Protein backbone atom coordinates (compact mmCIF):
# COMPACT_ATOMS: atom_id res chain seq x y z
CA MET A 1 20.14 27.43 -90.75
CA GLN A 2 16.92 26.81 -92.67
CA GLU A 3 14.54 24.44 -90.86
CA PRO A 4 13.62 21.25 -92.74
CA ILE A 5 10.69 21.56 -95.12
CA HIS A 6 8.15 18.75 -95.44
CA MET A 7 5.43 18.19 -98.03
CA VAL A 8 3.19 17.51 -95.01
CA ASP A 9 4.36 18.21 -91.45
CA LEU A 10 2.40 15.72 -89.34
CA GLN A 11 4.84 15.92 -86.43
CA ARG A 12 4.25 19.60 -85.76
CA GLN A 13 0.52 19.16 -86.26
CA TYR A 14 0.58 16.41 -83.63
CA GLN A 15 2.39 18.66 -81.16
CA HIS A 16 -0.57 21.08 -81.14
CA ILE A 17 -3.02 18.31 -80.18
CA GLN A 18 -0.61 15.98 -78.40
CA GLU A 19 -2.35 15.96 -75.04
CA GLU A 20 -5.75 15.15 -76.56
CA ILE A 21 -4.33 12.49 -78.87
CA ASP A 22 -2.23 10.78 -76.21
CA GLN A 23 -5.17 10.60 -73.82
CA ALA A 24 -7.52 9.27 -76.51
CA ILE A 25 -5.10 6.49 -77.49
CA LEU A 26 -4.45 5.62 -73.84
CA ASP A 27 -8.20 5.39 -73.21
CA VAL A 28 -8.55 2.84 -76.03
CA VAL A 29 -5.62 0.77 -74.77
CA ARG A 30 -7.04 0.75 -71.25
CA SER A 31 -10.48 -0.23 -72.54
CA SER A 32 -9.04 -3.10 -74.63
CA ARG A 33 -11.83 -2.43 -77.16
CA PHE A 34 -9.59 -2.39 -80.21
CA ILE A 35 -11.99 -3.47 -82.97
CA LYS A 36 -15.31 -1.72 -83.57
CA GLY A 37 -16.79 -0.66 -80.24
CA PRO A 38 -17.78 2.79 -78.89
CA GLN A 39 -14.91 4.81 -80.43
CA VAL A 40 -15.75 3.67 -83.96
CA GLU A 41 -19.48 4.16 -83.44
CA ALA A 42 -18.94 7.64 -82.00
CA PHE A 43 -16.66 8.65 -84.87
CA GLU A 44 -19.15 7.47 -87.49
CA ASP A 45 -21.90 9.43 -85.76
CA GLU A 46 -19.79 12.59 -85.43
CA LEU A 47 -18.63 12.48 -89.04
CA SER A 48 -22.24 11.91 -90.12
CA GLN A 49 -23.25 15.07 -88.27
CA TYR A 50 -20.35 17.05 -89.71
CA LEU A 51 -21.13 16.01 -93.29
CA LYS A 52 -24.91 16.20 -92.76
CA VAL A 53 -25.24 12.76 -94.32
CA LYS A 54 -27.49 9.98 -93.02
CA HIS A 55 -24.99 7.12 -92.93
CA VAL A 56 -21.22 6.89 -92.43
CA ILE A 57 -19.69 3.41 -92.60
CA SER A 58 -16.01 3.25 -91.72
CA CYS A 59 -13.60 0.76 -93.27
CA ALA A 60 -9.91 -0.12 -93.45
CA ASN A 61 -8.74 2.32 -96.14
CA GLY A 62 -9.86 4.48 -99.05
CA THR A 63 -9.27 1.81 -101.69
CA ASP A 64 -11.51 -0.59 -99.77
CA ALA A 65 -14.14 2.15 -99.61
CA LEU A 66 -14.19 2.42 -103.40
CA GLN A 67 -14.30 -1.36 -103.83
CA ILE A 68 -17.10 -1.82 -101.31
CA ALA A 69 -19.09 0.97 -102.95
CA LEU A 70 -18.88 -0.74 -106.33
CA MET A 71 -19.74 -4.12 -104.83
CA ALA A 72 -22.88 -2.60 -103.31
CA LEU A 73 -24.25 -1.51 -106.69
CA GLY A 74 -24.79 -5.00 -108.12
CA LEU A 75 -22.84 -4.43 -111.33
CA GLN A 76 -21.92 -7.33 -113.60
CA PRO A 77 -18.58 -8.30 -115.19
CA GLY A 78 -17.97 -6.17 -118.27
CA ASP A 79 -20.08 -3.25 -117.07
CA GLU A 80 -18.40 0.10 -117.71
CA VAL A 81 -17.52 2.64 -115.05
CA ILE A 82 -16.35 6.11 -116.10
CA VAL A 83 -13.32 7.54 -114.28
CA PRO A 84 -10.89 10.40 -114.86
CA SER A 85 -7.63 9.55 -116.58
CA PHE A 86 -5.77 12.00 -114.35
CA THR A 87 -6.03 10.57 -110.84
CA TYR A 88 -4.45 8.11 -108.42
CA VAL A 89 -4.58 4.51 -109.59
CA ALA A 90 -6.92 3.29 -106.82
CA THR A 91 -9.91 4.90 -108.54
CA ALA A 92 -9.58 2.57 -111.54
CA GLU A 93 -7.84 -0.31 -109.74
CA VAL A 94 -10.92 -1.49 -107.87
CA ILE A 95 -12.99 -1.41 -111.08
CA GLY A 96 -10.59 -3.81 -112.76
CA LEU A 97 -10.33 -6.03 -109.69
CA LEU A 98 -14.10 -6.52 -109.77
CA ARG A 99 -13.93 -7.37 -113.51
CA PHE A 100 -15.73 -4.21 -114.55
CA LYS A 101 -14.24 -1.99 -117.27
CA PRO A 102 -12.71 1.36 -116.28
CA VAL A 103 -13.48 3.90 -119.00
CA MET A 104 -10.84 6.59 -118.60
CA ILE A 105 -11.83 10.03 -119.85
CA ASP A 106 -10.08 13.38 -120.15
CA VAL A 107 -10.33 16.13 -117.54
CA ASP A 108 -10.79 19.88 -117.55
CA PRO A 109 -7.32 21.46 -117.95
CA ASP A 110 -8.00 24.13 -115.32
CA SER A 111 -9.81 22.33 -112.49
CA PHE A 112 -8.24 18.90 -113.27
CA ASN A 113 -11.67 17.28 -112.81
CA ILE A 114 -14.07 15.48 -115.15
CA THR A 115 -17.13 17.34 -116.43
CA GLY A 116 -20.63 16.44 -117.49
CA THR A 117 -19.81 17.03 -121.17
CA LEU A 118 -16.75 14.77 -121.10
CA ILE A 119 -18.74 12.08 -119.30
CA GLU A 120 -21.63 12.16 -121.75
CA GLU A 121 -19.27 11.66 -124.69
CA ALA A 122 -18.08 8.37 -123.13
CA ILE A 123 -21.43 6.81 -122.23
CA THR A 124 -22.41 3.56 -123.96
CA GLU A 125 -25.13 0.99 -123.39
CA LYS A 126 -22.73 -0.79 -121.00
CA THR A 127 -22.09 2.27 -118.80
CA LYS A 128 -23.44 1.76 -115.30
CA ALA A 129 -21.61 4.22 -113.03
CA ILE A 130 -19.45 7.35 -112.82
CA VAL A 131 -16.65 7.94 -110.30
CA PRO A 132 -15.83 11.66 -110.19
CA VAL A 133 -12.68 12.46 -108.21
CA HIS A 134 -12.56 15.76 -106.34
CA LEU A 135 -8.91 16.18 -107.17
CA PHE A 136 -6.44 18.14 -105.05
CA GLY A 137 -9.19 19.55 -102.81
CA GLN A 138 -12.03 21.02 -104.83
CA SER A 139 -15.18 19.48 -106.18
CA ALA A 140 -15.89 18.24 -109.64
CA PRO A 141 -18.99 19.97 -111.13
CA MET A 142 -21.44 17.71 -109.34
CA GLU A 143 -24.63 19.47 -110.40
CA GLU A 144 -24.00 18.78 -114.09
CA ILE A 145 -22.59 15.32 -113.34
CA MET A 146 -25.72 14.37 -111.40
CA ALA A 147 -27.88 15.67 -114.26
CA VAL A 148 -26.04 13.42 -116.73
CA ALA A 149 -26.32 10.48 -114.30
CA LYS A 150 -30.05 11.01 -113.90
CA LYS A 151 -30.57 11.30 -117.66
CA HIS A 152 -28.78 8.01 -118.31
CA GLN A 153 -29.77 6.24 -115.06
CA LEU A 154 -26.21 5.86 -113.80
CA TYR A 155 -24.84 5.50 -110.29
CA VAL A 156 -22.43 8.13 -108.96
CA ILE A 157 -19.65 7.26 -106.51
CA GLU A 158 -17.72 10.31 -105.33
CA ASP A 159 -14.02 9.78 -104.65
CA ASN A 160 -13.67 12.36 -101.89
CA ALA A 161 -10.27 11.26 -100.55
CA GLN A 162 -8.67 14.62 -101.33
CA ALA A 163 -11.53 17.02 -100.62
CA ILE A 164 -13.16 16.15 -97.31
CA GLY A 165 -14.40 19.38 -95.73
CA SER A 166 -15.04 21.06 -99.09
CA ASP A 167 -18.45 22.66 -99.70
CA TYR A 168 -20.30 22.38 -102.99
CA HIS A 169 -22.60 25.30 -103.87
CA PHE A 170 -25.62 24.48 -106.02
CA SER A 171 -27.12 26.96 -108.47
CA HIS A 172 -30.32 27.07 -106.40
CA GLY A 173 -28.40 28.49 -103.45
CA LYS A 174 -28.04 25.45 -101.20
CA SER A 175 -24.74 23.80 -100.28
CA ALA A 176 -23.60 20.29 -99.42
CA LYS A 177 -20.34 18.69 -98.38
CA THR A 178 -18.48 16.88 -101.12
CA GLY A 179 -18.97 13.13 -100.83
CA THR A 180 -22.65 13.48 -99.91
CA ILE A 181 -24.11 14.39 -103.31
CA GLY A 182 -23.83 11.16 -105.30
CA ASP A 183 -25.25 7.75 -104.42
CA ILE A 184 -22.15 6.91 -102.36
CA GLY A 185 -19.17 8.96 -101.24
CA CYS A 186 -15.79 7.46 -100.36
CA THR A 187 -12.80 8.83 -98.50
CA SER A 188 -9.39 7.84 -97.19
CA PHE A 189 -7.93 8.69 -93.78
CA PHE A 190 -4.34 8.06 -94.89
CA PRO A 191 -2.12 10.12 -92.55
CA SER A 192 -1.32 12.83 -95.11
CA LYS A 193 -4.98 13.51 -95.93
CA ASN A 194 -6.64 16.66 -94.64
CA LEU A 195 -8.45 14.43 -92.15
CA GLY A 196 -5.88 11.71 -91.57
CA CYS A 197 -5.39 9.08 -88.91
CA TYR A 198 -2.15 7.53 -87.63
CA GLY A 199 -2.33 4.45 -89.81
CA ASP A 200 -4.81 3.37 -92.47
CA GLY A 201 -8.51 4.10 -92.54
CA GLY A 202 -11.43 4.96 -94.80
CA ALA A 203 -15.17 5.50 -94.90
CA LEU A 204 -18.24 5.50 -97.12
CA PHE A 205 -21.16 7.94 -96.95
CA THR A 206 -24.72 7.62 -98.24
CA ASN A 207 -28.23 8.90 -97.63
CA ASP A 208 -29.73 5.67 -99.00
CA ASP A 209 -30.86 3.29 -96.24
CA VAL A 210 -30.77 0.21 -98.49
CA LEU A 211 -27.29 0.95 -99.80
CA ALA A 212 -26.06 1.70 -96.27
CA ALA A 213 -27.27 -1.67 -94.99
CA LYS A 214 -25.64 -3.48 -97.90
CA ILE A 215 -22.36 -1.57 -97.47
CA ARG A 216 -22.21 -2.51 -93.78
CA MET A 217 -22.78 -6.15 -94.66
CA ILE A 218 -20.14 -6.19 -97.40
CA ALA A 219 -17.54 -4.59 -95.13
CA ASN A 220 -18.27 -7.24 -92.49
CA HIS A 221 -17.87 -10.49 -94.45
CA GLY A 222 -21.34 -10.16 -95.98
CA GLN A 223 -23.14 -10.66 -92.67
CA SER A 224 -25.76 -8.61 -90.85
CA ARG A 225 -25.61 -10.93 -87.84
CA GLN A 226 -22.68 -13.01 -86.71
CA TYR A 227 -22.01 -16.25 -88.61
CA TYR A 228 -24.88 -15.70 -91.08
CA HIS A 229 -23.39 -14.61 -94.41
CA ASP A 230 -26.01 -13.54 -96.93
CA ILE A 231 -23.77 -11.99 -99.60
CA LEU A 232 -20.12 -12.06 -100.60
CA GLY A 233 -18.19 -9.56 -98.55
CA VAL A 234 -14.77 -8.50 -97.35
CA ASN A 235 -13.09 -7.84 -94.03
CA SER A 236 -12.58 -4.09 -93.86
CA ARG A 237 -12.83 -2.15 -90.63
CA LEU A 238 -11.46 0.95 -88.93
CA ASP A 239 -9.72 0.09 -85.67
CA ALA A 240 -10.62 1.88 -82.45
CA ILE A 241 -7.27 3.66 -82.02
CA GLN A 242 -7.62 5.23 -85.47
CA ALA A 243 -11.22 6.19 -84.72
CA ALA A 244 -10.11 7.86 -81.48
CA VAL A 245 -7.47 9.86 -83.35
CA LEU A 246 -9.96 10.86 -86.03
CA ARG A 247 -12.49 12.02 -83.44
CA ILE A 248 -9.92 14.51 -82.16
CA LYS A 249 -8.81 15.65 -85.60
CA LEU A 250 -12.38 16.00 -86.89
CA LYS A 251 -12.90 18.79 -84.36
CA HIS A 252 -10.02 20.65 -86.01
CA LEU A 253 -10.87 19.87 -89.64
CA ASP A 254 -12.42 23.23 -90.53
CA HIS A 255 -9.42 24.99 -88.98
CA TYR A 256 -7.06 22.73 -90.94
CA CYS A 257 -8.90 23.59 -94.17
CA ASP A 258 -8.69 27.31 -93.36
CA MET A 259 -4.95 27.04 -92.71
CA ARG A 260 -4.40 25.30 -96.04
CA ARG A 261 -6.43 27.99 -97.84
CA ARG A 262 -4.34 30.71 -96.17
CA ALA A 263 -1.16 28.97 -97.27
CA ALA A 264 -2.54 28.74 -100.82
CA ASP A 265 -3.33 32.47 -100.74
CA VAL A 266 0.29 33.20 -99.78
CA TYR A 267 1.56 31.10 -102.68
CA ASP A 268 -0.89 32.80 -105.04
CA ASP A 269 0.52 36.19 -104.04
CA LEU A 270 4.12 35.02 -104.39
CA PHE A 271 3.54 33.79 -107.95
CA PHE A 272 0.94 36.36 -109.00
CA ASP A 273 1.01 37.18 -112.71
CA HIS A 274 4.25 35.27 -113.32
CA ARG A 275 4.47 34.53 -117.03
CA HIS A 276 5.93 31.03 -116.53
CA ILE A 277 3.75 29.85 -113.63
CA ILE A 278 0.02 29.08 -113.54
CA THR A 279 -1.37 28.93 -110.01
CA PRO A 280 -4.30 26.64 -109.08
CA TYR A 281 -7.62 27.55 -110.63
CA ARG A 282 -10.49 27.93 -108.16
CA VAL A 283 -13.98 27.12 -109.39
CA ASP A 284 -16.89 29.25 -108.21
CA TYR A 285 -19.12 26.32 -107.22
CA SER A 286 -16.81 24.75 -104.63
CA THR A 287 -14.57 25.76 -101.79
CA HIS A 288 -11.00 24.49 -102.13
CA VAL A 289 -9.37 22.68 -99.19
CA PHE A 290 -5.98 22.36 -100.93
CA HIS A 291 -4.97 18.81 -100.28
CA GLN A 292 -2.32 19.73 -102.82
CA TYR A 293 -1.10 23.08 -104.12
CA THR A 294 -0.34 22.31 -107.76
CA LEU A 295 1.27 24.63 -110.26
CA LYS A 296 1.37 24.27 -114.02
CA VAL A 297 4.66 25.10 -115.70
CA SER A 298 6.19 24.40 -119.08
CA PRO A 299 6.91 20.69 -119.61
CA ALA A 300 10.40 21.78 -120.65
CA ASP A 301 10.90 23.30 -117.20
CA ARG A 302 9.04 20.94 -114.85
CA ASP A 303 11.70 18.30 -114.12
CA ASN A 304 14.51 20.86 -114.13
CA LEU A 305 12.54 22.95 -111.65
CA ARG A 306 12.18 19.93 -109.38
CA GLU A 307 15.93 19.34 -109.50
CA HIS A 308 16.56 23.02 -108.76
CA LEU A 309 14.26 22.88 -105.72
CA ALA A 310 15.80 19.64 -104.48
CA ALA A 311 19.24 21.28 -104.55
CA LEU A 312 17.80 23.92 -102.22
CA ASP A 313 16.32 21.20 -99.93
CA ILE A 314 12.80 22.16 -101.00
CA PRO A 315 10.62 19.09 -101.62
CA SER A 316 8.10 18.87 -104.44
CA MET A 317 5.96 16.15 -105.96
CA VAL A 318 4.39 15.29 -109.28
CA TYR A 319 0.80 14.05 -109.00
CA TYR A 320 0.59 12.27 -111.48
CA PRO A 321 3.42 11.70 -114.00
CA VAL A 322 1.72 9.01 -116.12
CA PRO A 323 -1.87 8.92 -117.41
CA LEU A 324 -3.83 5.95 -116.09
CA TYR A 325 -4.23 4.54 -119.59
CA GLU A 326 -0.45 4.46 -120.09
CA GLN A 327 0.08 2.29 -117.02
CA LYS A 328 0.89 -1.29 -118.04
CA ALA A 329 -1.85 -2.68 -115.83
CA TYR A 330 -4.51 -0.78 -117.82
CA ALA A 331 -3.25 -1.35 -121.37
CA THR A 332 -6.01 -3.89 -122.09
CA TYR A 333 -8.65 -1.23 -121.44
CA TRP A 334 -7.20 1.27 -123.90
CA GLU A 335 -7.05 1.77 -127.64
CA GLU A 336 -3.39 1.80 -128.68
CA GLY A 337 -2.22 5.17 -129.93
CA LYS A 338 -5.15 7.09 -128.46
CA GLU A 339 -4.28 10.08 -126.29
CA LEU A 340 -6.23 12.49 -124.10
CA GLU A 341 -4.87 15.96 -124.72
CA ASN A 342 -5.50 17.59 -121.36
CA THR A 343 -4.32 14.61 -119.35
CA GLU A 344 -1.12 14.38 -121.39
CA MET A 345 -0.47 18.09 -120.85
CA LEU A 346 -1.09 17.92 -117.09
CA CYS A 347 1.08 14.86 -116.54
CA ALA A 348 3.94 16.72 -118.21
CA SER A 349 3.47 20.11 -116.54
CA VAL A 350 2.14 19.83 -112.96
CA ILE A 351 4.29 20.23 -109.87
CA SER A 352 3.00 20.33 -106.30
CA LEU A 353 4.62 22.38 -103.55
CA PRO A 354 4.54 21.71 -99.79
CA ILE A 355 1.19 22.60 -98.24
CA HIS A 356 -0.03 21.75 -94.78
CA THR A 357 -1.40 23.26 -91.60
CA GLU A 358 2.00 24.17 -90.15
CA LEU A 359 3.46 26.25 -92.99
CA THR A 360 4.80 29.62 -91.83
CA GLN A 361 5.22 32.78 -93.88
CA LYS A 362 8.99 32.37 -93.51
CA LEU A 363 8.91 28.85 -94.95
CA GLN A 364 6.64 29.88 -97.80
CA ASP A 365 8.81 32.87 -98.65
CA HIS A 366 11.79 30.52 -98.85
CA ILE A 367 9.87 28.06 -101.06
CA GLY A 368 8.62 30.90 -103.25
CA GLU A 369 12.12 32.34 -103.60
CA GLY A 370 13.36 28.90 -104.60
CA VAL A 371 10.77 28.58 -107.35
CA LEU A 372 11.28 32.14 -108.63
CA SER A 373 15.06 31.83 -108.57
CA TYR A 374 14.82 29.08 -111.19
CA TYR A 375 13.37 31.61 -113.62
CA SER A 376 15.68 34.50 -112.73
């Protein structure tokens, strides 16, 4: 009997680190230091060292991280913020909530990320910031994006929720972790992320001392000392149990990324040179940590392929079936009848297969056979 297949197998991952995790959680419970405290401080420090970034400020979730980042920049209602049209809704959601205008632009059809050229075409006198998303696990072209931002004096907030652990390679030979290149980086620790906790969590990164101080204040009700509120803020914090879990999993993050890359290599070999299947494109300026393994197939086949896999008890997902600008909530930001060619194509043709740290060759062979049998 075929063992169950999961898009992400967190249970088996937990079994490998169970003793460490159980002890870490028990230590927090015994300490009764559930909010902030030494576990949160230690995690922020350890993640700062891992990323080689000056400041890490944890918060309640990845969406909060994006909102807090935007709040820290001092933008005004009506200011424009450029985002990809092919991404999860949270990237644009926080822009609208703060009464800024999300300007949704097309993406590269191979890497699925925005580019400097596409950004520059969308810049107006109201543009104040860019939010590149490192989609599915590899970086957007940050060197050219930062050059455009510098030219037009724009802020850059990296949405790094899907690519933590990825390395960006600059043309001058140096490297940096994604999320540490722009003015502010944001991430989510949702359980299915490459670095995920056992609940909700998020963080912001920056090398700017002034921004870091403001971010900490905003995340803590706008106060730098208790009961003195200097700016409008929110209540967004990572709890100590989640920090304790993340401290354990951070030690394994590079291994987790390696395991995902190995799984992606196996898939690449299984589908190599298939005339109906396009495997994920890997850019030369970034390592890929494969938060998702996403194929492109014919739009005529995509939904039928999903049904075929489901009949074989093989899960799959579509990230994302609808362009942001076609969502009802964002209709007011969009010119009726306008379409973005690459985004439309991707929404109709992408399909993601299971990928996680616990995939075995046997499971991947079964998944691969399921996909190939559709075309046989």
